[in-house]
């Protein structure tokens, strides 16, 4: 899962980490956080993600504690059911690649 702040968008380190995940064949789930902030621009960030990484806008999830959809909810909904031996999330992590 890659989390983007709704006020900052795609930055250089985001692109570097995305390419690291891509090159190691990791599945990346785009999530935009803090969409409830007054300065949030989730639609602008969605467009950046589409333009930069070719994500369909409908595949980008918006989360915020205040709208009732949190990052923990995302983990439980999308990753926990897929932790079986053959699931794409099984034993895959960027932790061993990042310094």
N, C-alpha and C. Protein backbone atom coordinates (compact mmCIF):
# COMPACT_ATOMS: atom_id res chain seq x y z
N UNK A 1 0.86 -1.16 0.00
CA UNK A 1 0.00 0.00 0.00
C UNK A 1 0.91 1.23 0.00
N UNK A 2 0.62 2.17 -0.84
CA UNK A 2 1.32 3.45 -0.86
C UNK A 2 0.33 4.52 -0.47
N UNK A 3 0.68 5.28 0.56
CA UNK A 3 -0.22 6.30 1.08
C UNK A 3 0.27 7.68 0.63
N UNK A 4 -0.63 8.44 0.06
CA UNK A 4 -0.34 9.80 -0.41
C UNK A 4 -1.14 10.77 0.44
N UNK A 5 -0.54 11.86 0.86
CA UNK A 5 -1.29 12.90 1.58
C UNK A 5 -2.08 13.71 0.57
N UNK A 6 -3.30 14.02 0.92
CA UNK A 6 -4.18 14.75 0.01
C UNK A 6 -3.75 16.19 -0.21
N UNK A 7 -2.75 16.64 0.53
CA UNK A 7 -2.28 18.02 0.34
C UNK A 7 -0.93 18.09 -0.35
N UNK A 8 -0.23 16.98 -0.51
CA UNK A 8 1.11 17.01 -1.09
C UNK A 8 1.20 16.35 -2.46
N UNK A 9 0.55 15.23 -2.64
CA UNK A 9 0.56 14.56 -3.93
C UNK A 9 1.83 13.78 -4.21
N UNK A 10 2.10 13.58 -5.48
CA UNK A 10 3.21 12.76 -5.93
C UNK A 10 4.51 13.56 -5.82
N UNK A 11 5.44 13.04 -5.04
CA UNK A 11 6.72 13.69 -4.85
C UNK A 11 7.84 12.76 -5.33
N UNK A 12 9.07 13.26 -5.36
CA UNK A 12 10.20 12.49 -5.89
C UNK A 12 10.38 11.17 -5.16
N UNK A 13 10.33 11.18 -3.83
CA UNK A 13 10.51 9.93 -3.11
C UNK A 13 9.37 8.96 -3.36
N UNK A 14 8.19 9.48 -3.65
CA UNK A 14 7.06 8.63 -4.00
C UNK A 14 7.36 7.87 -5.27
N UNK A 15 7.86 8.57 -6.27
CA UNK A 15 8.19 7.91 -7.53
C UNK A 15 9.31 6.89 -7.35
N UNK A 16 10.31 7.21 -6.57
CA UNK A 16 11.42 6.28 -6.33
C UNK A 16 10.92 5.01 -5.64
N UNK A 17 10.09 5.18 -4.61
CA UNK A 17 9.56 4.01 -3.90
C UNK A 17 8.62 3.20 -4.78
N UNK A 18 7.85 3.87 -5.62
CA UNK A 18 6.95 3.15 -6.52
C UNK A 18 7.76 2.28 -7.49
N UNK A 19 8.83 2.85 -8.05
CA UNK A 19 9.65 2.07 -8.98
C UNK A 19 10.34 0.90 -8.28
N UNK A 20 10.75 1.09 -7.04
CA UNK A 20 11.34 -0.01 -6.28
C UNK A 20 10.33 -1.14 -6.12
N UNK A 21 9.11 -0.79 -5.77
CA UNK A 21 8.05 -1.80 -5.64
C UNK A 21 7.77 -2.47 -6.98
N UNK A 22 7.69 -1.68 -8.04
CA UNK A 22 7.43 -2.22 -9.38
C UNK A 22 8.51 -3.19 -9.80
N UNK A 23 9.77 -2.81 -9.59
CA UNK A 23 10.90 -3.65 -10.01
C UNK A 23 11.00 -4.95 -9.20
N UNK A 24 10.47 -4.96 -7.99
CA UNK A 24 10.49 -6.17 -7.18
C UNK A 24 9.15 -6.91 -7.25
N UNK A 25 8.31 -6.51 -8.21
CA UNK A 25 7.05 -7.18 -8.50
C UNK A 25 6.07 -7.15 -7.31
N UNK A 26 6.07 -6.05 -6.58
CA UNK A 26 5.12 -5.89 -5.49
C UNK A 26 3.85 -5.21 -5.99
N UNK A 27 2.74 -5.61 -5.45
CA UNK A 27 1.47 -4.97 -5.77
C UNK A 27 1.39 -3.67 -4.98
N UNK A 28 1.05 -2.57 -5.63
CA UNK A 28 0.94 -1.29 -4.96
C UNK A 28 -0.51 -0.83 -4.98
N UNK A 29 -1.03 -0.53 -3.80
CA UNK A 29 -2.40 -0.06 -3.67
C UNK A 29 -2.37 1.42 -3.34
N UNK A 30 -2.84 2.29 -4.24
CA UNK A 30 -2.80 3.72 -3.96
C UNK A 30 -3.91 4.16 -3.00
N UNK A 31 -3.50 4.87 -1.96
CA UNK A 31 -4.43 5.35 -0.95
C UNK A 31 -4.12 6.82 -0.70
N UNK A 32 -5.14 7.66 -0.75
CA UNK A 32 -4.98 9.09 -0.44
C UNK A 32 -5.55 9.32 0.96
N UNK A 33 -4.69 9.83 1.85
CA UNK A 33 -5.05 10.04 3.24
C UNK A 33 -5.32 11.53 3.52
N UNK A 34 -5.99 11.77 4.63
CA UNK A 34 -6.26 13.13 5.12
C UNK A 34 -7.14 13.94 4.15
N UNK A 35 -8.09 13.26 3.53
CA UNK A 35 -8.95 13.93 2.55
C UNK A 35 -9.94 14.90 3.18
N UNK A 36 -10.03 14.88 4.51
CA UNK A 36 -10.95 15.76 5.21
C UNK A 36 -10.37 17.14 5.48
N UNK A 37 -9.07 17.32 5.28
CA UNK A 37 -8.45 18.61 5.57
C UNK A 37 -8.96 19.70 4.62
N UNK A 38 -9.06 20.94 5.11
CA UNK A 38 -9.57 22.03 4.27
C UNK A 38 -8.73 22.26 3.01
N UNK A 39 -7.42 21.99 3.10
CA UNK A 39 -6.54 22.20 1.94
C UNK A 39 -6.37 20.95 1.08
N UNK A 40 -7.09 19.90 1.42
CA UNK A 40 -6.97 18.65 0.66
C UNK A 40 -7.48 18.82 -0.77
N UNK A 41 -6.80 18.17 -1.69
CA UNK A 41 -7.18 18.20 -3.10
C UNK A 41 -7.18 16.77 -3.65
N UNK A 42 -8.06 15.92 -3.15
CA UNK A 42 -8.01 14.52 -3.55
C UNK A 42 -8.19 14.30 -5.06
N UNK A 43 -8.99 15.11 -5.71
CA UNK A 43 -9.18 14.92 -7.16
C UNK A 43 -7.92 15.30 -7.93
N UNK A 44 -7.21 16.32 -7.47
CA UNK A 44 -5.94 16.71 -8.09
C UNK A 44 -4.92 15.59 -7.91
N UNK A 45 -4.85 15.02 -6.70
CA UNK A 45 -3.91 13.95 -6.41
C UNK A 45 -4.27 12.70 -7.22
N UNK A 46 -5.55 12.42 -7.34
CA UNK A 46 -5.98 11.28 -8.18
C UNK A 46 -5.49 11.46 -9.61
N UNK A 47 -5.62 12.66 -10.14
CA UNK A 47 -5.17 12.92 -11.51
C UNK A 47 -3.65 12.74 -11.62
N UNK A 48 -2.92 13.21 -10.60
CA UNK A 48 -1.46 13.02 -10.60
C UNK A 48 -1.10 11.53 -10.60
N UNK A 49 -1.81 10.75 -9.80
CA UNK A 49 -1.54 9.31 -9.75
C UNK A 49 -1.87 8.64 -11.08
N UNK A 50 -2.93 9.08 -11.71
CA UNK A 50 -3.28 8.55 -13.03
C UNK A 50 -2.22 8.92 -14.06
N UNK A 51 -1.80 10.18 -14.05
CA UNK A 51 -0.82 10.65 -15.03
C UNK A 51 0.56 10.03 -14.80
N UNK A 52 0.95 9.87 -13.54
CA UNK A 52 2.29 9.40 -13.21
C UNK A 52 2.42 7.88 -13.26
N UNK A 53 1.43 7.17 -12.70
CA UNK A 53 1.53 5.72 -12.55
C UNK A 53 0.47 4.96 -13.32
N UNK A 54 -0.38 5.67 -14.04
CA UNK A 54 -1.44 5.06 -14.84
C UNK A 54 -2.47 4.29 -14.01
N UNK A 55 -2.74 4.77 -12.79
CA UNK A 55 -3.79 4.16 -11.97
C UNK A 55 -5.15 4.67 -12.43
N UNK A 56 -6.10 3.78 -12.65
CA UNK A 56 -7.46 4.26 -12.90
C UNK A 56 -7.98 4.97 -11.64
N UNK A 57 -8.63 6.09 -11.83
CA UNK A 57 -9.10 6.87 -10.68
C UNK A 57 -10.00 6.05 -9.76
N UNK A 58 -10.78 5.14 -10.32
CA UNK A 58 -11.69 4.34 -9.48
C UNK A 58 -10.95 3.33 -8.62
N UNK A 59 -9.66 3.08 -8.88
CA UNK A 59 -8.87 2.15 -8.07
C UNK A 59 -8.14 2.86 -6.93
N UNK A 60 -8.27 4.16 -6.83
CA UNK A 60 -7.60 4.93 -5.79
C UNK A 60 -8.57 5.14 -4.64
N UNK A 61 -8.16 4.75 -3.45
CA UNK A 61 -9.02 4.81 -2.28
C UNK A 61 -8.73 6.06 -1.46
N UNK A 62 -9.78 6.71 -1.00
CA UNK A 62 -9.67 7.89 -0.13
C UNK A 62 -9.92 7.47 1.31
N UNK A 63 -9.04 7.88 2.22
CA UNK A 63 -9.23 7.53 3.62
C UNK A 63 -9.04 8.75 4.51
N UNK A 64 -9.72 8.69 5.63
CA UNK A 64 -9.59 9.70 6.68
C UNK A 64 -10.34 9.19 7.89
N UNK A 65 -9.77 9.40 9.03
CA UNK A 65 -10.45 9.00 10.26
C UNK A 65 -11.82 9.66 10.36
N UNK A 66 -11.92 10.88 9.87
CA UNK A 66 -13.16 11.66 10.03
C UNK A 66 -14.26 11.28 9.05
N UNK A 67 -13.92 10.59 7.97
CA UNK A 67 -14.98 10.13 7.06
C UNK A 67 -15.33 8.67 7.31
N UNK A 68 -14.66 8.05 8.29
CA UNK A 68 -15.01 6.69 8.67
C UNK A 68 -14.27 5.60 7.92
N UNK A 69 -13.38 5.93 7.04
CA UNK A 69 -12.59 4.94 6.32
C UNK A 69 -11.13 5.22 6.65
N UNK A 70 -10.51 4.36 7.46
CA UNK A 70 -9.15 4.58 7.90
C UNK A 70 -8.19 3.62 7.22
N UNK A 71 -6.91 3.86 7.42
CA UNK A 71 -5.89 2.98 6.85
C UNK A 71 -6.02 1.58 7.45
N UNK A 72 -6.35 1.49 8.72
CA UNK A 72 -6.55 0.18 9.35
C UNK A 72 -7.70 -0.55 8.67
N UNK A 73 -8.78 0.16 8.35
CA UNK A 73 -9.89 -0.46 7.63
C UNK A 73 -9.42 -1.02 6.30
N UNK A 74 -8.54 -0.27 5.62
CA UNK A 74 -8.01 -0.72 4.33
C UNK A 74 -7.22 -2.01 4.49
N UNK A 75 -6.37 -2.06 5.51
CA UNK A 75 -5.57 -3.26 5.76
C UNK A 75 -6.46 -4.47 6.01
N UNK A 76 -7.46 -4.29 6.85
CA UNK A 76 -8.36 -5.39 7.18
C UNK A 76 -9.16 -5.83 5.97
N UNK A 77 -9.65 -4.88 5.20
CA UNK A 77 -10.51 -5.19 4.06
C UNK A 77 -9.76 -5.83 2.90
N UNK A 78 -8.60 -5.30 2.56
CA UNK A 78 -7.93 -5.71 1.34
C UNK A 78 -6.74 -6.63 1.52
N UNK A 79 -6.06 -6.56 2.64
CA UNK A 79 -4.83 -7.33 2.78
C UNK A 79 -5.03 -8.59 3.62
N UNK A 80 -5.69 -8.49 4.75
CA UNK A 80 -5.83 -9.64 5.64
C UNK A 80 -6.46 -10.84 4.93
N UNK A 81 -7.54 -10.68 4.14
CA UNK A 81 -8.10 -11.87 3.48
C UNK A 81 -7.14 -12.48 2.44
N UNK A 82 -6.13 -11.75 2.03
CA UNK A 82 -5.24 -12.19 0.97
C UNK A 82 -3.89 -12.69 1.50
N UNK A 83 -3.81 -12.98 2.79
CA UNK A 83 -2.53 -13.38 3.36
C UNK A 83 -2.22 -14.86 3.21
N UNK A 84 -3.03 -15.58 2.49
CA UNK A 84 -2.77 -17.01 2.27
C UNK A 84 -1.48 -17.24 1.49
N UNK A 85 -1.07 -18.49 1.41
CA UNK A 85 0.18 -18.85 0.75
C UNK A 85 0.28 -18.33 -0.68
N UNK A 86 -0.80 -18.30 -1.41
CA UNK A 86 -0.76 -17.92 -2.82
C UNK A 86 -1.15 -16.48 -3.09
N UNK A 87 -1.51 -15.74 -2.07
CA UNK A 87 -1.94 -14.35 -2.25
C UNK A 87 -0.76 -13.46 -2.59
N UNK A 88 -1.00 -12.38 -3.35
CA UNK A 88 0.09 -11.50 -3.76
C UNK A 88 0.77 -10.77 -2.60
N UNK A 89 0.13 -10.73 -1.44
CA UNK A 89 0.74 -10.03 -0.30
C UNK A 89 1.55 -10.97 0.57
N UNK A 90 1.57 -12.26 0.28
CA UNK A 90 2.24 -13.24 1.12
C UNK A 90 3.75 -12.99 1.16
N UNK A 91 4.25 -12.69 2.32
CA UNK A 91 5.68 -12.50 2.58
C UNK A 91 6.34 -11.47 1.66
N UNK A 92 5.61 -10.49 1.22
CA UNK A 92 6.18 -9.44 0.39
C UNK A 92 6.22 -8.14 1.17
N UNK A 93 7.35 -7.51 1.18
CA UNK A 93 7.50 -6.27 1.91
C UNK A 93 8.67 -5.48 1.35
N UNK A 94 8.54 -4.17 1.38
CA UNK A 94 9.65 -3.32 0.98
C UNK A 94 10.66 -3.14 2.10
N UNK A 95 10.32 -3.60 3.30
CA UNK A 95 11.17 -3.35 4.46
C UNK A 95 12.60 -3.82 4.23
N UNK A 96 12.79 -4.94 3.58
CA UNK A 96 14.11 -5.47 3.35
C UNK A 96 14.89 -4.71 2.28
N UNK A 97 14.21 -3.86 1.52
CA UNK A 97 14.85 -3.14 0.43
C UNK A 97 15.15 -1.69 0.78
N UNK A 98 14.48 -1.16 1.79
CA UNK A 98 14.64 0.25 2.15
C UNK A 98 15.69 0.40 3.25
N UNK A 99 16.46 1.41 3.17
CA UNK A 99 17.50 1.68 4.18
C UNK A 99 17.10 2.91 4.97
